Structure formats: structure tokens, C-alpha cells
């Protein structure tokens, strides 16, 4: 049964052109799903589609800026026009941050919330009535360990990821009787370009690879763990090395110890 779980399902992945999103597209494709790929650059989405071995009848390349909130219903109408259904939405589009609070422009916080939080709300509200009507659906929300713990130089990023937990925990409870499921994923250090592409204090690119990120687990391993967790019906999943995953439990049971550790952990 596990091998057939994703076969034929329609899965919409945002942030599909790189990192965890790209790995998820390839993992879903291998599992027999039909995949909708969304990110800003069509050429990169086409590359991922071809590398995933997705034929045109099993895929839809849907370029978009997820912060164009009013376009979300139109995007979803394109998904329905192609496949006539939606089974899983993967909220993966996101951007990180590397800057101290007193140096950070307010517009950076707005952008972080727009990309990481409000875009997920817009797409969710576009899709949710269909799922309610069909009494089925799944949201996979790519949060972060930073969605559980506040850390240095990531204040806006942490805030946006914390917001995801509040919103989707509420959604999970509100629509339990409609058989709509939510799996929130909290990756730790995954070997992607997230720190290179992170926003600095003025909104430009940070442009540096974090040492911990460079030594993290691969996006492919992360994607495999995500698919297994969803198949098992998990509601919240922590993926990463022992250090960052342990920090979540330290926050829960010994918060004072964690606070002391966080303030000493100055990024490179």
C-alpha cells in the first residue's frame, strides 16, 4: 500500500525550482504523482520537470510570484483546468534572513511575511473550498526548526515560520471533520542555498553559505523523510541533525538552558 500512496495524486509544490522543493518534485514524481511546479522562473521549473522525468500529461509548469496574492485563485483554476483535482499542496516557497533587528529595514520584515506566511494563506484559501467540498485534502507546510525557536539574525524569518504553526494548527483543528490533513515539517540544517539567498538588512542577498548549512543533510534525504512522514499521517515532523532537533526538545523542557545557548551562538 505504501508504494501506491502517491500514485495518481495531484501535488502542487511551490518553491519548486531549487533545494527542498526541487527534491520534493522529484520524489513525488518517482512515487507516481502528478506534479504542479510553481516558482518564478519558468526555465528552472522546466529543468526540474525534465530531470524528474515528468511528462507533460503528468505535470504542469505554473510560474508565479507567490506574493501576488490576488493571483492565487487564478493559479488554482489552472490546476483544475489541467487535472480536475488537487490532493496535496506543498507550501515550500520561502526566503530566509541574516540581519540584526536594529539594522533591519521594516520592508524586510514585510517581505519575509509576504513570502513565508501570507502567500501560504492566499493559496490555502484558494484551494480550501475545493477540499471542503470533496471532503479530502492535504497540506504539507515546510516550516523550520526556526518555527519553534527564535535565533540570532533571523528575527523576521523565525516570526514568519512561527506564524505558519499557528495558522495551520488552527486549520487542522477546524477542518478535521472534513478530512483535511496538515503535516508541518521543521527542517534543521539542509544542504541548500537558503543562506546564500537570505535577505540582509536592506533586502539584498546575504550571499554567504552558513557553515552548518553546508554540512547539513541533503535535500533528497529530507524529501524522502517528508514523503514517509506524510504517508504515516504524521502531524509535525523534525528533520535534521541531532543538535538542531534536540534544541526543540530543550526549548520544551528546559527553556532557560536553550536561551543561554542561543544568545552565545553568534553566526559566522
Protein backbone atom coordinates (compact mmCIF):
# COMPACT_ATOMS: atom_id res chain seq x y z
CA UNK A 1 0.00 0.00 0.00
CA UNK A 2 2.80 2.46 0.82
CA UNK A 3 4.16 2.23 -2.72
CA UNK A 4 0.76 3.22 -4.13
CA UNK A 5 0.02 6.05 -1.70
CA UNK A 6 1.00 8.92 -4.04
CA UNK A 7 0.24 7.27 -7.37
CA UNK A 8 -2.07 9.43 -9.45
CA UNK A 9 -2.40 12.14 -6.80
CA UNK A 10 -2.11 15.76 -7.89
CA UNK A 11 0.56 17.55 -5.85
CA UNK A 12 1.20 21.28 -6.08
CA UNK A 13 4.71 22.29 -4.95
CA UNK A 14 5.65 25.95 -4.51
CA UNK A 15 9.31 26.93 -4.45
CA UNK A 16 9.81 24.01 -6.83
CA UNK A 17 12.87 25.26 -8.70
CA UNK A 18 15.60 24.52 -6.13
CA UNK A 19 16.51 23.00 -2.79
CA UNK A 20 13.89 21.06 -0.84
CA UNK A 21 11.20 21.97 -3.38
CA UNK A 22 13.15 20.54 -6.29
CA UNK A 23 13.90 17.38 -4.32
CA UNK A 24 10.21 17.02 -3.43
CA UNK A 25 9.15 17.33 -7.07
CA UNK A 26 11.50 14.51 -8.00
CA UNK A 27 10.41 12.37 -5.04
CA UNK A 28 6.70 12.79 -5.82
CA UNK A 29 7.36 12.07 -9.49
CA UNK A 30 9.18 8.85 -8.57
CA UNK A 31 6.23 7.88 -6.39
CA UNK A 32 3.83 8.18 -9.32
CA UNK A 33 2.22 11.52 -8.53
CA UNK A 34 1.18 14.19 -10.99
CA UNK A 35 3.00 17.40 -10.07
CA UNK A 36 2.33 21.12 -10.41
CA UNK A 37 5.56 23.13 -10.22
CA UNK A 38 5.48 26.76 -9.11
CA UNK A 39 8.31 29.28 -8.73
CA UNK A 40 9.20 32.49 -10.51
CA UNK A 41 11.49 31.17 -13.27
CA UNK A 42 9.90 29.04 -15.97
CA UNK A 43 13.26 27.84 -17.32
CA UNK A 44 14.28 26.42 -13.96
CA UNK A 45 10.90 24.77 -13.49
CA UNK A 46 11.20 23.15 -16.91
CA UNK A 47 14.66 21.89 -15.97
CA UNK A 48 13.32 20.32 -12.77
CA UNK A 49 10.36 18.80 -14.62
CA UNK A 50 12.63 17.16 -17.18
CA UNK A 51 15.10 15.92 -14.57
CA UNK A 52 12.18 14.47 -12.61
CA UNK A 53 11.11 12.50 -15.69
CA UNK A 54 7.67 14.11 -15.69
CA UNK A 55 5.84 14.01 -19.00
CA UNK A 56 3.60 16.92 -19.93
CA UNK A 57 0.47 14.92 -19.16
CA UNK A 58 1.75 14.26 -15.62
CA UNK A 59 2.91 17.80 -14.88
CA UNK A 60 2.01 21.46 -15.04
CA UNK A 61 4.66 24.17 -15.01
CA UNK A 62 2.97 27.14 -13.39
CA UNK A 63 5.37 30.08 -12.97
CA UNK A 64 4.24 32.70 -10.46
CA UNK A 65 5.29 35.19 -7.84
CA UNK A 66 3.58 33.79 -4.77
CA UNK A 67 3.36 37.29 -3.26
CA UNK A 68 0.85 38.22 -5.96
CA UNK A 69 -1.90 37.17 -3.59
CA UNK A 70 -4.80 38.06 -5.89
CA UNK A 71 -3.45 35.63 -8.49
CA UNK A 72 -3.83 32.59 -6.20
CA UNK A 73 -7.40 31.71 -7.33
CA UNK A 74 -6.34 32.06 -10.96
CA UNK A 75 -3.38 29.76 -10.41
CA UNK A 76 -5.62 27.17 -8.80
CA UNK A 77 -8.09 27.41 -11.67
CA UNK A 78 -5.20 26.48 -13.97
CA UNK A 79 -4.51 23.41 -11.84
CA UNK A 80 -8.16 22.35 -12.06
CA UNK A 81 -8.26 23.01 -15.79
CA UNK A 82 -5.31 20.66 -16.25
CA UNK A 83 -6.09 17.88 -13.77
CA UNK A 84 -9.61 18.45 -12.45
CA UNK A 85 -8.48 17.86 -8.86
CA UNK A 86 -5.97 18.72 -6.15
CA UNK A 87 -4.87 16.27 -3.47
CA UNK A 88 -1.80 17.78 -1.83
CA UNK A 89 -0.46 21.33 -1.58
CA UNK A 90 3.17 21.71 -0.50
CA UNK A 91 3.84 25.19 0.88
CA UNK A 92 7.58 25.33 0.32
CA UNK A 93 8.25 28.79 -1.16
CA UNK A 94 10.27 30.84 1.29
CA UNK A 95 13.17 33.15 1.98
CA UNK A 96 15.45 33.40 5.00
CA UNK A 97 17.16 36.33 6.72
CA UNK A 98 20.56 37.22 8.17
CA UNK A 99 20.49 40.59 9.93
CA UNK A 100 20.24 42.16 13.38
CA UNK A 101 16.92 43.71 14.34
CA UNK A 102 18.14 47.29 14.88
CA UNK A 103 19.82 47.31 11.46
CA UNK A 104 16.96 45.73 9.50
CA UNK A 105 14.65 47.81 7.31
CA UNK A 106 10.97 47.38 8.12
CA UNK A 107 10.36 46.44 4.48
CA UNK A 108 12.48 43.31 5.01
CA UNK A 109 10.03 42.11 7.66
CA UNK A 110 7.14 42.81 5.32
CA UNK A 111 8.77 40.81 2.53
CA UNK A 112 9.54 37.90 4.85
CA UNK A 113 5.93 37.71 5.99
CA UNK A 114 4.61 38.11 2.45
CA UNK A 115 6.70 35.24 1.07
CA UNK A 116 6.79 32.88 4.02
CA UNK A 117 3.35 33.37 5.54
CA UNK A 118 0.80 35.42 3.60
CA UNK A 119 1.46 33.58 0.34
CA UNK A 120 0.55 30.30 2.03
CA UNK A 121 -2.66 31.84 3.37
CA UNK A 122 -3.61 33.12 -0.11
CA UNK A 123 -3.04 29.76 -1.81
CA UNK A 124 -4.68 27.84 1.03
CA UNK A 125 -7.82 29.98 0.84
CA UNK A 126 -7.94 29.46 -2.92
CA UNK A 127 -7.72 25.67 -2.57
CA UNK A 128 -9.62 25.06 0.66
CA UNK A 129 -13.22 25.32 -0.66
CA UNK A 130 -12.47 22.59 -3.20
CA UNK A 131 -11.04 20.34 -0.48
CA UNK A 132 -14.00 21.01 1.81
CA UNK A 133 -16.43 20.19 -0.99
CA UNK A 134 -14.62 16.92 -1.74
CA UNK A 135 -14.04 16.04 1.93
CA UNK A 136 -10.35 15.36 1.33
CA UNK A 137 -7.02 17.12 1.01
CA UNK A 138 -3.57 17.51 2.50
CA UNK A 139 -1.34 20.49 3.23
CA UNK A 140 2.38 19.91 3.67
CA UNK A 141 3.83 23.02 5.30
CA UNK A 142 7.59 23.49 5.15
CA UNK A 143 8.33 25.43 8.30
CA UNK A 144 11.69 25.18 10.08
CA UNK A 145 13.30 24.48 13.41
CA UNK A 146 13.21 28.31 13.44
CA UNK A 147 9.44 27.95 13.63
CA UNK A 148 9.91 26.56 17.13
CA UNK A 149 12.97 28.52 18.32
CA UNK A 150 13.99 32.18 17.96
CA UNK A 151 17.64 32.59 16.96
CA UNK A 152 20.10 35.40 16.29
CA UNK A 153 19.95 37.34 12.98
CA UNK A 154 16.74 35.56 11.95
CA UNK A 155 14.06 37.52 13.81
CA UNK A 156 11.72 38.04 10.86
CA UNK A 157 12.33 34.57 9.46
CA UNK A 158 11.57 32.99 12.84
CA UNK A 159 8.44 35.12 13.22
CA UNK A 160 7.13 34.10 9.79
CA UNK A 161 7.72 30.42 10.50
CA UNK A 162 6.12 30.65 13.95
CA UNK A 163 3.08 32.16 12.21
CA UNK A 164 2.78 29.10 9.97
CA UNK A 165 2.41 26.85 13.01
CA UNK A 166 -0.40 28.93 14.50
CA UNK A 167 -2.35 29.17 11.25
CA UNK A 168 -2.05 25.55 10.16
CA UNK A 169 -2.60 24.13 13.64
CA UNK A 170 -5.89 26.04 13.59
CA UNK A 171 -6.72 24.80 10.10
CA UNK A 172 -6.02 21.20 11.11
CA UNK A 173 -8.47 21.52 14.01
CA UNK A 174 -11.16 23.42 12.12
CA UNK A 175 -11.37 21.01 9.19
CA UNK A 176 -10.68 17.69 10.88
CA UNK A 177 -14.26 16.56 10.21
CA UNK A 178 -13.82 17.43 6.51
CA UNK A 179 -10.88 15.01 6.38
CA UNK A 180 -8.38 17.74 5.55
CA UNK A 181 -4.94 16.95 6.91
CA UNK A 182 -1.88 19.04 7.74
CA UNK A 183 1.70 17.88 8.12
CA UNK A 184 4.08 20.59 9.33
CA UNK A 185 7.73 19.94 8.53
CA UNK A 186 10.50 21.52 10.61
CA UNK A 187 13.81 21.07 8.78
CA UNK A 188 17.05 21.88 10.53
CA UNK A 189 20.22 22.29 8.53
CA UNK A 190 19.58 21.09 4.97
CA UNK A 191 22.30 21.47 2.33
CA UNK A 192 20.65 24.14 0.16
CA UNK A 193 21.38 27.74 -0.86
CA UNK A 194 18.98 29.15 1.72
CA UNK A 195 21.63 31.23 3.48
CA UNK A 196 23.15 32.44 0.21
CA UNK A 197 19.73 33.68 -0.86
CA UNK A 198 18.74 35.01 2.56
CA UNK A 199 17.84 38.69 2.86
CA UNK A 200 20.28 41.06 4.53
CA UNK A 201 19.35 44.19 6.49
CA UNK A 202 18.44 46.17 3.37
CA UNK A 203 16.69 43.37 1.50
CA UNK A 204 19.63 42.35 -0.69
CA UNK A 205 21.17 38.88 -0.72
CA UNK A 206 23.25 37.81 2.26
CA UNK A 207 25.48 35.88 -0.14
CA UNK A 208 27.28 33.65 2.37
CA UNK A 209 26.96 29.93 2.97
CA UNK A 210 26.42 29.12 6.64
CA UNK A 211 28.88 26.50 7.85
CA UNK A 212 26.11 24.47 9.48
CA UNK A 213 24.04 24.63 6.29
CA UNK A 214 26.94 23.39 4.19
CA UNK A 215 27.29 20.36 6.47
CA UNK A 216 23.56 19.63 6.64
CA UNK A 217 21.70 16.64 5.26
CA UNK A 218 20.90 16.54 1.55
CA UNK A 219 17.58 17.84 0.16
CA UNK A 220 16.97 14.37 -1.28
CA UNK A 221 17.18 12.73 2.15
CA UNK A 222 14.92 15.45 3.54
CA UNK A 223 12.36 14.90 0.77
CA UNK A 224 12.33 11.16 1.34
CA UNK A 225 11.67 11.69 5.05
CA UNK A 226 8.85 14.11 4.25
CA UNK A 227 7.08 11.65 1.95
CA UNK A 228 7.38 8.89 4.53
CA UNK A 229 6.05 11.15 7.31
CA UNK A 230 3.02 12.21 5.26
CA UNK A 231 2.29 8.63 4.31
CA UNK A 232 2.31 7.71 8.01
CA UNK A 233 -0.12 10.52 8.87
CA UNK A 234 2.35 12.50 10.98
CA UNK A 235 1.19 15.95 12.07
CA UNK A 236 4.55 17.56 12.87
CA UNK A 237 8.00 16.32 11.88
CA UNK A 238 11.54 17.41 12.78
CA UNK A 239 14.21 16.67 10.18
CA UNK A 240 17.89 17.41 10.66
CA UNK A 241 20.93 16.71 12.75
CA UNK A 242 20.89 15.81 16.43
CA UNK A 243 21.91 19.32 17.52
CA UNK A 244 19.04 21.29 15.99
CA UNK A 245 16.38 18.66 16.61
CA UNK A 246 17.47 18.34 20.24
CA UNK A 247 17.08 22.11 20.59
CA UNK A 248 13.32 21.77 20.04
CA UNK A 249 13.00 19.40 22.99
CA UNK A 250 15.35 21.56 25.04
CA UNK A 251 13.03 24.53 24.42
CA UNK A 252 10.05 22.45 25.56
CA UNK A 253 11.52 21.03 28.76
CA UNK A 254 14.48 23.25 29.70
CA UNK A 255 13.88 26.64 28.03
CA UNK A 256 16.29 28.59 30.23
CA UNK A 257 19.19 26.39 29.11
CA UNK A 258 18.26 26.86 25.46
CA UNK A 259 18.01 30.64 25.82
CA UNK A 260 21.55 30.74 27.18
CA UNK A 261 22.81 28.61 24.30
CA UNK A 262 21.06 30.69 21.63
CA UNK A 263 22.49 34.01 22.81
CA UNK A 264 26.02 32.58 22.63
CA UNK A 265 25.54 31.16 19.14
CA UNK A 266 26.68 34.14 17.06
CA UNK A 267 26.60 33.32 13.31
CA UNK A 268 29.78 33.46 11.24
